[in-house]
Amino acid sequence: MDSEDIELRKKIDLHYGKRNGLHTINYVEFYFHACFFEILNVENSYWETSFDGTEIAELLDFLNINFDKEYIIEKYIDPKNHDVEVLHSKNDEQVFAYFDLEKDPTDQNDMFLFGIRCLKKDDLIVAEKLLKIYKKLGTSSPFSFDIHNNRLYNKVFNSYFYFYDNNYDTRKRQINYNT
């Protein structure tokens, strides 16, 4: 890696240089794919849903994460937008919600990746809330619980490699950080 790449990585990676992983041991991650319009109960959508549209907001409120549902909907329905929106907790930047809004042109179910990273001390409460949401979904991927691999953490905090594949380009998909 040349010095130009290193400088770019320093700007992009929120935790550039943190290598030993000790700063990640108190966290867990949950993630799954779901139908965007179903889980958020988007008004005037053709999707049938048993959600009232407040479930995600209530979970994020518990984690002290600001959630602007209309902002996320606006980003998702923009056909040109394929970015990731990361909503960080006001108390701890490593506690966050992950909305991967990439749209596959062949996807007929309007799927997106939803993830939560939280403190281990909160994992039972968060797991219960997420499983309650997950069990109501009509369309979803397997539910993932990650205690060691830090998949979401790496994409968010070491994104140059894990998200951008060592090929950052402002004209391509981006991670947007929101507090």
N, C-alpha and C. Protein backbone atom coordinates (compact mmCIF):
# COMPACT_ATOMS: atom_id res chain seq x y z
N MET A 1 0.85 -1.17 0.00
CA MET A 1 0.00 0.00 0.00
C MET A 1 0.90 1.23 0.00
N ASP A 2 0.67 2.13 -0.96
CA ASP A 2 1.50 3.32 -1.04
C ASP A 2 1.01 4.39 -0.06
N SER A 3 1.78 5.45 0.08
CA SER A 3 1.48 6.48 1.09
C SER A 3 0.16 7.19 0.79
N GLU A 4 -0.20 7.31 -0.47
CA GLU A 4 -1.48 7.93 -0.82
C GLU A 4 -2.65 7.07 -0.32
N ASP A 5 -2.55 5.76 -0.48
CA ASP A 5 -3.58 4.85 0.02
C ASP A 5 -3.66 4.89 1.55
N ILE A 6 -2.52 4.96 2.18
CA ILE A 6 -2.49 5.02 3.65
C ILE A 6 -3.18 6.29 4.14
N GLU A 7 -2.90 7.41 3.51
CA GLU A 7 -3.54 8.67 3.90
C GLU A 7 -5.05 8.62 3.68
N LEU A 8 -5.46 8.02 2.57
CA LEU A 8 -6.88 7.87 2.30
C LEU A 8 -7.53 6.96 3.34
N ARG A 9 -6.86 5.88 3.68
CA ARG A 9 -7.39 4.94 4.68
C ARG A 9 -7.51 5.63 6.04
N LYS A 10 -6.56 6.47 6.40
CA LYS A 10 -6.63 7.20 7.66
C LYS A 10 -7.86 8.10 7.71
N LYS A 11 -8.25 8.66 6.57
CA LYS A 11 -9.43 9.53 6.51
C LYS A 11 -10.72 8.72 6.56
N ILE A 12 -10.73 7.55 5.94
CA ILE A 12 -11.95 6.76 5.81
C ILE A 12 -12.23 5.89 7.02
N ASP A 13 -11.19 5.22 7.54
CA ASP A 13 -11.38 4.29 8.66
C ASP A 13 -11.53 5.06 9.96
N LEU A 14 -12.69 4.94 10.58
CA LEU A 14 -12.94 5.66 11.82
C LEU A 14 -12.02 5.18 12.94
N HIS A 15 -11.59 3.92 12.88
CA HIS A 15 -10.68 3.38 13.90
C HIS A 15 -9.37 2.94 13.27
N TYR A 16 -8.83 3.78 12.41
CA TYR A 16 -7.56 3.46 11.77
C TYR A 16 -6.47 3.23 12.83
N GLY A 17 -5.76 2.14 12.69
CA GLY A 17 -4.65 1.85 13.59
C GLY A 17 -4.99 1.00 14.80
N LYS A 18 -6.26 0.81 15.09
CA LYS A 18 -6.63 -0.05 16.22
C LYS A 18 -6.59 -1.49 15.74
N ARG A 19 -5.66 -2.25 16.24
CA ARG A 19 -5.44 -3.59 15.70
C ARG A 19 -5.68 -4.74 16.67
N ASN A 20 -5.60 -4.53 17.96
CA ASN A 20 -5.64 -5.66 18.88
C ASN A 20 -7.05 -6.17 19.18
N GLY A 21 -8.08 -5.45 18.83
CA GLY A 21 -9.44 -5.92 19.02
C GLY A 21 -9.99 -5.78 20.43
N LEU A 22 -9.19 -5.32 21.37
CA LEU A 22 -9.69 -5.21 22.75
C LEU A 22 -10.84 -4.23 22.88
N HIS A 23 -10.89 -3.24 22.01
CA HIS A 23 -11.96 -2.24 22.06
C HIS A 23 -13.30 -2.80 21.56
N THR A 24 -13.31 -4.03 21.05
CA THR A 24 -14.55 -4.61 20.52
C THR A 24 -15.12 -5.73 21.40
N ILE A 25 -14.45 -6.10 22.47
CA ILE A 25 -14.86 -7.31 23.22
C ILE A 25 -16.15 -7.15 24.01
N ASN A 26 -16.61 -5.96 24.25
CA ASN A 26 -17.83 -5.76 25.04
C ASN A 26 -19.08 -5.58 24.18
N TYR A 27 -19.01 -5.97 22.91
CA TYR A 27 -20.11 -5.72 21.97
C TYR A 27 -20.55 -7.00 21.27
N VAL A 28 -21.79 -7.00 20.84
CA VAL A 28 -22.35 -8.08 20.02
C VAL A 28 -23.11 -7.47 18.86
N GLU A 29 -23.35 -8.28 17.85
CA GLU A 29 -24.05 -7.81 16.66
C GLU A 29 -25.16 -8.77 16.28
N PHE A 30 -26.22 -8.20 15.74
CA PHE A 30 -27.36 -8.95 15.21
C PHE A 30 -27.63 -8.38 13.82
N TYR A 31 -27.97 -9.24 12.87
CA TYR A 31 -28.32 -8.73 11.54
C TYR A 31 -29.10 -9.77 10.76
N PHE A 32 -29.90 -9.26 9.82
CA PHE A 32 -30.69 -10.09 8.93
C PHE A 32 -31.22 -9.22 7.80
N HIS A 33 -31.59 -9.86 6.71
CA HIS A 33 -32.25 -9.16 5.61
C HIS A 33 -33.75 -9.24 5.84
N ALA A 34 -34.43 -8.17 5.47
CA ALA A 34 -35.88 -8.11 5.60
C ALA A 34 -36.44 -7.25 4.48
N CYS A 35 -37.72 -7.39 4.25
CA CYS A 35 -38.41 -6.54 3.29
C CYS A 35 -38.53 -5.14 3.88
N PHE A 36 -37.98 -4.16 3.21
CA PHE A 36 -37.95 -2.79 3.71
C PHE A 36 -39.36 -2.27 4.00
N PHE A 37 -40.26 -2.44 3.04
CA PHE A 37 -41.61 -1.88 3.17
C PHE A 37 -42.43 -2.61 4.23
N GLU A 38 -42.13 -3.87 4.44
CA GLU A 38 -42.85 -4.64 5.46
C GLU A 38 -42.43 -4.22 6.87
N ILE A 39 -41.13 -4.22 7.14
CA ILE A 39 -40.64 -3.97 8.50
C ILE A 39 -40.87 -2.53 8.95
N LEU A 40 -40.83 -1.58 8.00
CA LEU A 40 -41.05 -0.18 8.37
C LEU A 40 -42.49 0.27 8.15
N ASN A 41 -43.33 -0.61 7.62
CA ASN A 41 -44.73 -0.30 7.38
C ASN A 41 -44.86 1.05 6.67
N VAL A 42 -44.28 1.10 5.48
CA VAL A 42 -44.26 2.33 4.70
C VAL A 42 -45.64 2.60 4.13
N GLU A 43 -46.10 3.82 4.36
CA GLU A 43 -47.43 4.23 3.90
C GLU A 43 -47.54 4.11 2.39
N ASN A 44 -48.71 3.68 1.92
CA ASN A 44 -49.02 3.51 0.50
C ASN A 44 -48.19 2.44 -0.19
N SER A 45 -47.62 1.54 0.59
CA SER A 45 -46.87 0.42 0.03
C SER A 45 -47.83 -0.71 -0.29
N TYR A 46 -47.47 -1.52 -1.28
CA TYR A 46 -48.32 -2.66 -1.62
C TYR A 46 -48.04 -3.87 -0.73
N TRP A 47 -47.05 -3.78 0.16
CA TRP A 47 -46.72 -4.90 1.04
C TRP A 47 -47.71 -5.01 2.19
N GLU A 48 -48.20 -6.22 2.41
CA GLU A 48 -49.00 -6.48 3.60
C GLU A 48 -48.04 -6.63 4.76
N THR A 49 -48.43 -6.09 5.91
CA THR A 49 -47.53 -6.14 7.05
C THR A 49 -48.32 -6.23 8.35
N SER A 50 -47.71 -6.87 9.33
CA SER A 50 -48.31 -6.92 10.66
C SER A 50 -47.59 -5.96 11.61
N PHE A 51 -46.72 -5.10 11.05
CA PHE A 51 -46.00 -4.10 11.84
C PHE A 51 -46.78 -2.79 11.87
N ASP A 52 -46.67 -2.09 12.97
CA ASP A 52 -47.32 -0.77 13.03
C ASP A 52 -46.35 0.34 12.64
N GLY A 53 -45.09 0.00 12.38
CA GLY A 53 -44.10 0.97 11.93
C GLY A 53 -43.29 1.60 13.04
N THR A 54 -43.58 1.26 14.30
CA THR A 54 -42.85 1.86 15.42
C THR A 54 -41.82 0.91 16.05
N GLU A 55 -41.80 -0.33 15.62
CA GLU A 55 -40.96 -1.35 16.26
C GLU A 55 -39.47 -1.00 16.20
N ILE A 56 -38.99 -0.62 15.04
CA ILE A 56 -37.57 -0.26 14.90
C ILE A 56 -37.28 0.98 15.73
N ALA A 57 -38.16 1.96 15.67
CA ALA A 57 -37.96 3.20 16.44
C ALA A 57 -37.86 2.92 17.93
N GLU A 58 -38.69 2.03 18.44
CA GLU A 58 -38.65 1.69 19.87
C GLU A 58 -37.34 1.02 20.25
N LEU A 59 -36.86 0.12 19.40
CA LEU A 59 -35.57 -0.54 19.65
C LEU A 59 -34.44 0.48 19.65
N LEU A 60 -34.43 1.35 18.67
CA LEU A 60 -33.36 2.34 18.57
C LEU A 60 -33.43 3.36 19.70
N ASP A 61 -34.62 3.67 20.14
CA ASP A 61 -34.78 4.56 21.29
C ASP A 61 -34.14 3.93 22.53
N PHE A 62 -34.35 2.63 22.71
CA PHE A 62 -33.74 1.91 23.84
C PHE A 62 -32.21 2.04 23.80
N LEU A 63 -31.64 2.03 22.58
CA LEU A 63 -30.18 2.12 22.41
C LEU A 63 -29.69 3.56 22.34
N ASN A 64 -30.59 4.51 22.51
CA ASN A 64 -30.28 5.94 22.47
C ASN A 64 -29.71 6.35 21.10
N ILE A 65 -30.38 5.85 20.07
CA ILE A 65 -30.01 6.15 18.69
C ILE A 65 -31.13 6.98 18.08
N ASN A 66 -30.77 8.15 17.55
CA ASN A 66 -31.75 8.98 16.85
C ASN A 66 -32.17 8.27 15.58
N PHE A 67 -33.48 8.20 15.35
CA PHE A 67 -34.00 7.52 14.18
C PHE A 67 -35.02 8.41 13.48
N ASP A 68 -34.68 8.79 12.27
CA ASP A 68 -35.60 9.57 11.43
C ASP A 68 -36.11 8.61 10.36
N LYS A 69 -37.25 8.03 10.63
CA LYS A 69 -37.83 7.03 9.72
C LYS A 69 -38.02 7.59 8.32
N GLU A 70 -38.49 8.82 8.22
CA GLU A 70 -38.74 9.42 6.90
C GLU A 70 -37.44 9.59 6.12
N TYR A 71 -36.36 9.92 6.80
CA TYR A 71 -35.05 10.05 6.14
C TYR A 71 -34.62 8.70 5.55
N ILE A 72 -34.76 7.62 6.32
CA ILE A 72 -34.37 6.29 5.85
C ILE A 72 -35.26 5.87 4.67
N ILE A 73 -36.55 6.14 4.76
CA ILE A 73 -37.46 5.81 3.66
C ILE A 73 -37.08 6.59 2.41
N GLU A 74 -36.82 7.88 2.57
CA GLU A 74 -36.43 8.73 1.44
C GLU A 74 -35.17 8.18 0.76
N LYS A 75 -34.20 7.76 1.56
CA LYS A 75 -32.96 7.21 1.01
C LYS A 75 -33.22 5.89 0.28
N TYR A 76 -34.09 5.05 0.84
CA TYR A 76 -34.34 3.75 0.23
C TYR A 76 -35.10 3.88 -1.09
N ILE A 77 -36.10 4.73 -1.12
CA ILE A 77 -36.92 4.81 -2.34
C ILE A 77 -36.23 5.55 -3.48
N ASP A 78 -35.12 6.21 -3.22
CA ASP A 78 -34.33 6.84 -4.28
C ASP A 78 -33.66 5.72 -5.08
N PRO A 79 -34.07 5.51 -6.32
CA PRO A 79 -33.52 4.38 -7.08
C PRO A 79 -32.01 4.48 -7.33
N LYS A 80 -31.45 5.68 -7.25
CA LYS A 80 -30.01 5.86 -7.47
C LYS A 80 -29.19 5.63 -6.20
N ASN A 81 -29.85 5.58 -5.06
CA ASN A 81 -29.13 5.43 -3.79
C ASN A 81 -28.98 3.96 -3.43
N HIS A 82 -27.75 3.56 -3.17
CA HIS A 82 -27.44 2.20 -2.74
C HIS A 82 -26.53 2.24 -1.52
N ASP A 83 -26.52 3.34 -0.82
CA ASP A 83 -25.59 3.55 0.29
C ASP A 83 -26.01 2.81 1.55
N VAL A 84 -25.13 2.88 2.53
CA VAL A 84 -25.40 2.36 3.86
C VAL A 84 -25.57 3.56 4.79
N GLU A 85 -26.60 3.51 5.60
CA GLU A 85 -26.81 4.54 6.62
C GLU A 85 -26.52 3.91 7.98
N VAL A 86 -25.58 4.50 8.69
CA VAL A 86 -25.22 4.03 10.03
C VAL A 86 -25.67 5.10 11.01
N LEU A 87 -26.50 4.68 11.96
CA LEU A 87 -27.01 5.58 12.98
C LEU A 87 -26.35 5.22 14.30
N HIS A 88 -25.48 6.09 14.78
CA HIS A 88 -24.72 5.84 16.01
C HIS A 88 -25.51 6.28 17.25
N SER A 89 -25.29 5.58 18.34
CA SER A 89 -25.87 5.96 19.63
C SER A 89 -25.23 7.26 20.10
N LYS A 90 -26.01 8.04 20.82
CA LYS A 90 -25.48 9.28 21.40
C LYS A 90 -24.46 8.98 22.50
N ASN A 91 -24.57 7.80 23.12
CA ASN A 91 -23.71 7.45 24.26
C ASN A 91 -22.42 6.74 23.88
N ASP A 92 -22.41 6.03 22.76
CA ASP A 92 -21.29 5.17 22.42
C ASP A 92 -21.27 4.97 20.91
N GLU A 93 -20.22 5.42 20.24
CA GLU A 93 -20.17 5.31 18.79
C GLU A 93 -20.20 3.87 18.29
N GLN A 94 -19.78 2.91 19.14
CA GLN A 94 -19.78 1.51 18.71
C GLN A 94 -21.15 0.84 18.84
N VAL A 95 -22.10 1.53 19.41
CA VAL A 95 -23.49 1.06 19.42
C VAL A 95 -24.17 1.77 18.25
N PHE A 96 -24.68 0.97 17.31
CA PHE A 96 -25.26 1.60 16.12
C PHE A 96 -26.27 0.68 15.45
N ALA A 97 -27.08 1.31 14.58
CA ALA A 97 -27.98 0.60 13.68
C ALA A 97 -27.40 0.72 12.28
N TYR A 98 -27.51 -0.35 11.52
CA TYR A 98 -26.91 -0.45 10.20
C TYR A 98 -28.01 -0.73 9.18
N PHE A 99 -28.22 0.20 8.26
CA PHE A 99 -29.22 0.07 7.21
C PHE A 99 -28.50 0.02 5.87
N ASP A 100 -28.33 -1.18 5.32
CA ASP A 100 -27.69 -1.32 4.01
C ASP A 100 -28.78 -1.25 2.96
N LEU A 101 -28.83 -0.15 2.24
CA LEU A 101 -29.93 0.15 1.32
C LEU A 101 -29.61 -0.23 -0.13
N GLU A 102 -28.64 -1.11 -0.31
CA GLU A 102 -28.33 -1.58 -1.66
C GLU A 102 -29.52 -2.35 -2.21
N LYS A 103 -29.86 -2.04 -3.45
CA LYS A 103 -31.00 -2.68 -4.09
C LYS A 103 -30.50 -3.56 -5.24
N ASP A 104 -30.85 -4.82 -5.18
CA ASP A 104 -30.52 -5.75 -6.26
C ASP A 104 -31.61 -5.62 -7.31
N PRO A 105 -31.25 -5.36 -8.56
CA PRO A 105 -32.27 -5.17 -9.59
C PRO A 105 -33.17 -6.39 -9.82
N THR A 106 -32.71 -7.57 -9.40
CA THR A 106 -33.53 -8.78 -9.57
C THR A 106 -34.36 -9.10 -8.33
N ASP A 107 -34.20 -8.32 -7.26
CA ASP A 107 -34.92 -8.57 -6.01
C ASP A 107 -36.36 -8.08 -6.13
N GLN A 108 -37.31 -8.98 -5.99
CA GLN A 108 -38.72 -8.62 -6.06
C GLN A 108 -39.34 -8.44 -4.68
N ASN A 109 -38.51 -8.58 -3.63
CA ASN A 109 -39.03 -8.48 -2.27
C ASN A 109 -38.55 -7.23 -1.52
N ASP A 110 -37.86 -6.33 -2.20
CA ASP A 110 -37.39 -5.09 -1.59
C ASP A 110 -36.61 -5.33 -0.30
N MET A 111 -35.63 -6.23 -0.38
CA MET A 111 -34.85 -6.62 0.79
C MET A 111 -33.73 -5.61 1.07
N PHE A 112 -33.41 -5.47 2.36
CA PHE A 112 -32.26 -4.67 2.79
C PHE A 112 -31.67 -5.36 4.01
N LEU A 113 -30.41 -5.06 4.30
CA LEU A 113 -29.76 -5.63 5.48
C LEU A 113 -29.94 -4.67 6.64
N PHE A 114 -30.49 -5.19 7.73
CA PHE A 114 -30.65 -4.42 8.95
C PHE A 114 -29.78 -5.04 10.03
N GLY A 115 -28.99 -4.21 10.69
CA GLY A 115 -28.13 -4.73 11.74
C GLY A 115 -28.11 -3.82 12.96
N ILE A 116 -27.81 -4.44 14.09
CA ILE A 116 -27.67 -3.72 15.36
C ILE A 116 -26.38 -4.18 16.01
N ARG A 117 -25.62 -3.23 16.51
CA ARG A 117 -24.45 -3.53 17.34
C ARG A 117 -24.73 -2.88 18.69
N CYS A 118 -24.59 -3.68 19.75
CA CYS A 118 -24.88 -3.16 21.08
C CYS A 118 -23.90 -3.72 22.10
N LEU A 119 -23.96 -3.20 23.28
CA LEU A 119 -23.13 -3.70 24.37
C LEU A 119 -23.61 -5.09 24.80
N LYS A 120 -22.68 -5.93 25.22
CA LYS A 120 -23.04 -7.27 25.69
C LYS A 120 -24.02 -7.22 26.85
N LYS A 121 -23.91 -6.20 27.68
CA LYS A 121 -24.81 -6.10 28.83
C LYS A 121 -26.27 -5.91 28.40
N ASP A 122 -26.48 -5.46 27.17
CA ASP A 122 -27.84 -5.23 26.65
C ASP A 122 -28.29 -6.31 25.67
N ASP A 123 -27.45 -7.31 25.43
CA ASP A 123 -27.75 -8.24 24.34
C ASP A 123 -29.03 -9.04 24.54
N LEU A 124 -29.38 -9.42 25.76
CA LEU A 124 -30.60 -10.19 25.97
C LEU A 124 -31.85 -9.36 25.67
N ILE A 125 -31.83 -8.11 26.08
CA ILE A 125 -32.98 -7.21 25.81
C ILE A 125 -33.08 -6.95 24.31
N VAL A 126 -31.95 -6.63 23.68
CA VAL A 126 -31.95 -6.35 22.24
C VAL A 126 -32.35 -7.60 21.46
N ALA A 127 -31.82 -8.75 21.85
CA ALA A 127 -32.17 -10.00 21.16
C ALA A 127 -33.67 -10.27 21.26
N GLU A 128 -34.23 -10.05 22.43
CA GLU A 128 -35.67 -10.27 22.61
C GLU A 128 -36.48 -9.34 21.71
N LYS A 129 -36.09 -8.07 21.67
CA LYS A 129 -36.80 -7.10 20.84
C LYS A 129 -36.65 -7.44 19.35
N LEU A 130 -35.44 -7.81 18.94
CA LEU A 130 -35.20 -8.14 17.54
C LEU A 130 -35.92 -9.43 17.13
N LEU A 131 -35.91 -10.42 18.01
CA LEU A 131 -36.60 -11.67 17.69
C LEU A 131 -38.10 -11.46 17.58
N LYS A 132 -38.62 -10.58 18.38
CA LYS A 132 -40.05 -10.25 18.29
C LYS A 132 -40.36 -9.65 16.91
N ILE A 133 -39.48 -8.78 16.45
CA ILE A 133 -39.61 -8.20 15.12
C ILE A 133 -39.43 -9.29 14.05
N TYR A 134 -38.36 -10.03 14.18
CA TYR A 134 -37.99 -11.04 13.19
C TYR A 134 -39.09 -12.08 12.99
N LYS A 135 -39.71 -12.52 14.07
CA LYS A 135 -40.74 -13.55 14.00
C LYS A 135 -42.01 -13.07 13.29
N LYS A 136 -42.21 -11.77 13.23
CA LYS A 136 -43.39 -11.22 12.54
C LYS A 136 -43.16 -11.06 11.04
N LEU A 137 -41.91 -11.14 10.61
CA LEU A 137 -41.59 -10.93 9.20
C LEU A 137 -42.13 -12.07 8.33
N GLY A 138 -42.66 -11.70 7.19
CA GLY A 138 -43.08 -12.70 6.23
C GLY A 138 -41.95 -13.08 5.29
N THR A 139 -41.00 -12.17 5.10
CA THR A 139 -39.88 -12.37 4.20
C THR A 139 -38.60 -11.95 4.92
N SER A 140 -37.65 -12.88 5.03
CA SER A 140 -36.40 -12.54 5.72
C SER A 140 -35.32 -13.56 5.39
N SER A 141 -34.10 -13.21 5.76
CA SER A 141 -32.96 -14.13 5.67
C SER A 141 -32.78 -14.75 7.06
N PRO A 142 -31.82 -15.65 7.22
CA PRO A 142 -31.54 -16.16 8.56
C PRO A 142 -31.13 -15.03 9.51
N PHE A 143 -31.47 -15.18 10.76
CA PHE A 143 -31.14 -14.24 11.83
C PHE A 143 -29.72 -14.55 12.31
N SER A 144 -28.84 -13.56 12.32
CA SER A 144 -27.45 -13.77 12.73
C SER A 144 -27.14 -13.07 14.03
N PHE A 145 -26.44 -13.80 14.89
CA PHE A 145 -25.94 -13.27 16.17
C PHE A 145 -24.43 -13.44 16.11
N ASP A 146 -23.71 -12.34 16.22
CA ASP A 146 -22.25 -12.37 16.07
C ASP A 146 -21.61 -11.81 17.32
N ILE A 147 -20.84 -12.64 17.98
CA ILE A 147 -20.18 -12.21 19.21
C ILE A 147 -18.67 -12.08 19.03
N HIS A 148 -18.11 -12.65 17.95
CA HIS A 148 -16.66 -12.66 17.78
C HIS A 148 -16.15 -12.03 16.49
N ASN A 149 -16.92 -12.11 15.41
CA ASN A 149 -16.39 -11.72 14.10
C ASN A 149 -16.47 -10.23 13.80
N ASN A 150 -17.34 -9.52 14.46
CA ASN A 150 -17.45 -8.06 14.30
C ASN A 150 -17.65 -7.65 12.84
N ARG A 151 -18.51 -8.35 12.15
CA ARG A 151 -18.76 -8.05 10.74
C ARG A 151 -19.21 -6.60 10.53
N LEU A 152 -20.20 -6.16 11.29
CA LEU A 152 -20.70 -4.79 11.13
C LEU A 152 -19.66 -3.77 11.59
N TYR A 153 -19.01 -4.05 12.72
CA TYR A 153 -17.96 -3.15 13.20
C TYR A 153 -16.91 -2.93 12.12
N ASN A 154 -16.44 -4.01 11.51
CA ASN A 154 -15.39 -3.88 10.50
C ASN A 154 -15.84 -3.07 9.30
N LYS A 155 -17.07 -3.27 8.86
CA LYS A 155 -17.56 -2.49 7.73
C LYS A 155 -17.65 -1.00 8.08
N VAL A 156 -18.03 -0.70 9.31
CA VAL A 156 -18.24 0.69 9.72
C VAL A 156 -16.92 1.36 10.11
N PHE A 157 -16.10 0.70 10.90
CA PHE A 157 -14.90 1.35 11.45
C PHE A 157 -13.61 1.04 10.71
N ASN A 158 -13.59 -0.01 9.92
CA ASN A 158 -12.43 -0.35 9.07
C ASN A 158 -12.92 -0.50 7.64
N SER A 159 -13.66 0.48 7.18
CA SER A 159 -14.40 0.38 5.93
C SER A 159 -13.53 0.38 4.68
N TYR A 160 -12.35 0.95 4.73
CA TYR A 160 -11.51 0.99 3.52
C TYR A 160 -11.31 -0.42 2.97
N PHE A 161 -11.04 -1.36 3.84
CA PHE A 161 -10.84 -2.75 3.42
C PHE A 161 -12.16 -3.53 3.39
N TYR A 162 -12.93 -3.47 4.47
CA TYR A 162 -14.09 -4.35 4.62
C TYR A 162 -15.33 -3.90 3.86
N PHE A 163 -15.45 -2.64 3.55
CA PHE A 163 -16.61 -2.17 2.79
C PHE A 163 -16.21 -1.77 1.37
N TYR A 164 -15.15 -0.98 1.25
CA TYR A 164 -14.75 -0.46 -0.06
C TYR A 164 -13.78 -1.37 -0.81
N ASP A 165 -13.39 -2.47 -0.20
CA ASP A 165 -12.48 -3.44 -0.84
C ASP A 165 -11.20 -2.79 -1.37
N ASN A 166 -10.62 -1.90 -0.58
CA ASN A 166 -9.38 -1.20 -0.94
C ASN A 166 -9.51 -0.40 -2.23
N ASN A 167 -10.72 0.04 -2.54
CA ASN A 167 -10.96 0.76 -3.79
C ASN A 167 -12.02 1.84 -3.56
N TYR A 168 -11.70 2.80 -2.71
CA TYR A 168 -12.64 3.86 -2.39
C TYR A 168 -12.84 4.78 -3.58
N ASP A 169 -14.09 5.09 -3.88
CA ASP A 169 -14.43 5.97 -4.99
C ASP A 169 -15.70 6.72 -4.60
N THR A 170 -15.66 8.03 -4.57
CA THR A 170 -16.80 8.84 -4.15
C THR A 170 -18.00 8.67 -5.09
N ARG A 171 -17.78 8.16 -6.29
CA ARG A 171 -18.88 7.96 -7.24
C ARG A 171 -19.60 6.63 -7.02
N LYS A 172 -19.08 5.82 -6.10
CA LYS A 172 -19.69 4.52 -5.82
C LYS A 172 -20.42 4.55 -4.48
N ARG A 173 -20.96 3.44 -4.11
CA ARG A 173 -21.67 3.25 -2.84
C ARG A 173 -20.85 3.75 -1.66
N GLN A 174 -21.52 4.42 -0.72
CA GLN A 174 -20.83 5.02 0.42
C GLN A 174 -21.47 4.56 1.73
N ILE A 175 -20.72 4.74 2.82
CA ILE A 175 -21.28 4.61 4.16
C ILE A 175 -21.48 6.02 4.68
N ASN A 176 -22.67 6.31 5.13
CA ASN A 176 -23.00 7.62 5.70
C ASN A 176 -23.21 7.45 7.20
N TYR A 177 -22.53 8.28 7.98
CA TYR A 177 -22.58 8.18 9.42
C TYR A 177 -23.50 9.26 9.98
N ASN A 178 -24.43 8.84 10.84
CA ASN A 178 -25.40 9.75 11.44
C ASN A 178 -25.37 9.58 12.96
N THR A 179 -25.43 10.69 13.69
CA THR A 179 -25.50 10.62 15.15
C THR A 179 -26.79 11.23 15.63
